[in-house]
Each structure stands twice: as C-alpha cells, then as structure tokens.
Amino acid sequence: MYRVAVCDDCAKDGRQIFQWAEQIFAQRKMEVSLSLFHNPQDLLAQVKTRNRQYDLFLLDIEMPGIDGMALAKEIN
C-alpha cells in the first residue's frame, strides 16, 4: 500500500488534489492511504515527531510560514 501526504493551505485546492490522487490510484487498481494536511507544520509533526512515513508528498509550493520546497527539505 502506498502512503501519500497532500499538503495545501487552501482547503479547496487540497481537497481537489486529494480527489485526483484517489482517482489516479483507483484507475490503476493500486491501494493507497491518503492523508490531507492544510498546515505544513502538522505534516512536519507527523513525520518528525510521530515517525509517520509516506511514499509520496504532494506539496503546495506557496504556503505561509514554510513553503513546499522548504518543507520538502525539512522532511528529508
């Protein structure tokens, strides 16, 4: 099963990306566990503090506080 994290500070955009990811995995008959975050700090806490592992991150580039590129570097 693939674990995918979607992070977008805009709730509407985040839900849309989440739905697209669901559809893409379903079309390919792939099992997926999707998690949606609207706050990059929440995602970072899941990865760093709770040791949650993901196979794929779909990150918004422009977010307040920490942008998607900086978030990707922090996750690594």
C-alpha atoms as a PDB file:
ATOM      1  CA  MET A   1       0.000   0.000   0.000  1.00  0.00           C
ATOM      2  CA  TYR A   2       1.263   3.450  -0.902  1.00  0.00           C
ATOM      3  CA  ARG A   3       1.111   6.207   1.697  1.00  0.00           C
ATOM      4  CA  VAL A   4       0.544   9.663   0.234  1.00  0.00           C
ATOM      5  CA  ALA A   5       0.501  13.030   2.015  1.00  0.00           C
ATOM      6  CA  VAL A   6      -1.208  16.017   0.393  1.00  0.00           C
ATOM      7  CA  CYS A   7      -0.439  19.429   1.885  1.00  0.00           C
ATOM      8  CA  ASP A   8      -2.099  22.630   0.688  1.00  0.00           C
ATOM      9  CA  ASP A   9      -3.001  25.624   2.824  1.00  0.00           C
ATOM     10  CA  CYS A  10      -6.081  26.250   0.647  1.00  0.00           C
ATOM     11  CA  ALA A  11      -8.722  23.739   1.777  1.00  0.00           C
ATOM     12  CA  LYS A  12     -10.486  23.703  -1.605  1.00  0.00           C
ATOM     13  CA  ASP A  13      -7.278  23.058  -3.546  1.00  0.00           C
ATOM     14  CA  GLY A  14      -6.154  20.417  -1.069  1.00  0.00           C
ATOM     15  CA  ARG A  15      -9.430  18.502  -1.391  1.00  0.00           C
ATOM     16  CA  GLN A  16      -9.201  18.673  -5.199  1.00  0.00           C
ATOM     17  CA  ILE A  17      -5.662  17.287  -5.253  1.00  0.00           C
ATOM     18  CA  PHE A  18      -6.714  14.604  -2.746  1.00  0.00           C
ATOM     19  CA  GLN A  19      -9.607  13.559  -5.015  1.00  0.00           C
ATOM     20  CA  TRP A  20      -7.386  13.494  -8.106  1.00  0.00           C
ATOM     21  CA  ALA A  21      -4.864  11.311  -6.308  1.00  0.00           C
ATOM     22  CA  GLU A  22      -7.665   8.947  -5.208  1.00  0.00           C
ATOM     23  CA  GLN A  23      -8.900   8.668  -8.785  1.00  0.00           C
ATOM     24  CA  ILE A  24      -5.451   8.082 -10.250  1.00  0.00           C
ATOM     25  CA  PHE A  25      -4.629   5.305  -7.787  1.00  0.00           C
ATOM     26  CA  ALA A  26      -8.081   3.724  -8.222  1.00  0.00           C
ATOM     27  CA  GLN A  27      -7.757   3.717 -12.024  1.00  0.00           C
ATOM     28  CA  ARG A  28      -4.502   1.838 -11.646  1.00  0.00           C
ATOM     29  CA  LYS A  29      -6.016  -0.521  -9.054  1.00  0.00           C
ATOM     30  CA  MET A  30      -3.379   0.496  -6.529  1.00  0.00           C
ATOM     31  CA  GLU A  31      -4.013   0.520  -2.798  1.00  0.00           C
ATOM     32  CA  VAL A  32      -3.364   3.909  -1.233  1.00  0.00           C
ATOM     33  CA  SER A  33      -3.685   5.586   2.113  1.00  0.00           C
ATOM     34  CA  LEU A  34      -4.099   9.339   1.606  1.00  0.00           C
ATOM     35  CA  SER A  35      -3.650  11.987   4.290  1.00  0.00           C
ATOM     36  CA  LEU A  36      -4.653  15.626   3.794  1.00  0.00           C
ATOM     37  CA  PHE A  37      -2.971  18.488   5.638  1.00  0.00           C
ATOM     38  CA  HIS A  38      -3.827  22.185   5.442  1.00  0.00           C
ATOM     39  CA  ASN A  39      -0.949  23.234   7.657  1.00  0.00           C
ATOM     40  CA  PRO A  40       2.634  22.305   6.730  1.00  0.00           C
ATOM     41  CA  GLN A  41       3.610  22.243  10.415  1.00  0.00           C
ATOM     42  CA  ASP A  42       1.027  19.494  11.044  1.00  0.00           C
ATOM     43  CA  LEU A  43       2.554  17.358   8.299  1.00  0.00           C
ATOM     44  CA  LEU A  44       6.050  18.027   9.590  1.00  0.00           C
ATOM     45  CA  ALA A  45       4.969  16.977  13.090  1.00  0.00           C
ATOM     46  CA  GLN A  46       3.562  13.704  11.741  1.00  0.00           C
ATOM     47  CA  VAL A  47       6.837  12.919  10.016  1.00  0.00           C
ATOM     48  CA  LYS A  48       9.307  14.155  12.633  1.00  0.00           C
ATOM     49  CA  THR A  49       7.520  13.541  15.950  1.00  0.00           C
ATOM     50  CA  ARG A  50       5.311  10.568  15.202  1.00  0.00           C
ATOM     51  CA  ASN A  51       7.675   8.941  12.681  1.00  0.00           C
ATOM     52  CA  ARG A  52       4.875   8.669  10.114  1.00  0.00           C
ATOM     53  CA  GLN A  53       6.334   7.574   6.797  1.00  0.00           C
ATOM     54  CA  TYR A  54       4.968   8.455   3.364  1.00  0.00           C
ATOM     55  CA  ASP A  55       5.906   7.214  -0.081  1.00  0.00           C
ATOM     56  CA  LEU A  56       4.801  10.371  -1.884  1.00  0.00           C
ATOM     57  CA  PHE A  57       4.347  14.008  -0.868  1.00  0.00           C
ATOM     58  CA  LEU A  58       2.129  16.333  -2.911  1.00  0.00           C
ATOM     59  CA  LEU A  59       3.037  19.776  -1.580  1.00  0.00           C
ATOM     60  CA  ASP A  60       1.778  23.254  -2.335  1.00  0.00           C
ATOM     61  CA  ILE A  61       4.750  25.444  -3.198  1.00  0.00           C
ATOM     62  CA  GLU A  62       3.446  28.745  -1.793  1.00  0.00           C
ATOM     63  CA  MET A  63       2.270  28.465   1.813  1.00  0.00           C
ATOM     64  CA  PRO A  64       2.608  30.877   4.726  1.00  0.00           C
ATOM     65  CA  GLY A  65       5.376  30.179   7.197  1.00  0.00           C
ATOM     66  CA  ILE A  66       7.148  27.356   5.393  1.00  0.00           C
ATOM     67  CA  ASP A  67       6.746  26.863   1.651  1.00  0.00           C
ATOM     68  CA  GLY A  68       6.578  23.492  -0.074  1.00  0.00           C
ATOM     69  CA  MET A  69      10.246  23.488  -1.109  1.00  0.00           C
ATOM     70  CA  ALA A  70      11.460  24.253   2.412  1.00  0.00           C
ATOM     71  CA  LEU A  71       9.006  21.671   3.780  1.00  0.00           C
ATOM     72  CA  ALA A  72      10.415  19.028   1.437  1.00  0.00           C
ATOM     73  CA  LYS A  73      13.937  19.779   2.673  1.00  0.00           C
ATOM     74  CA  GLU A  74      12.774  19.569   6.309  1.00  0.00           C
ATOM     75  CA  ILE A  75      11.073  16.220   5.712  1.00  0.00           C
ATOM     76  CA  ASN A  76      14.213  14.777   4.171  1.00  0.00           C
END
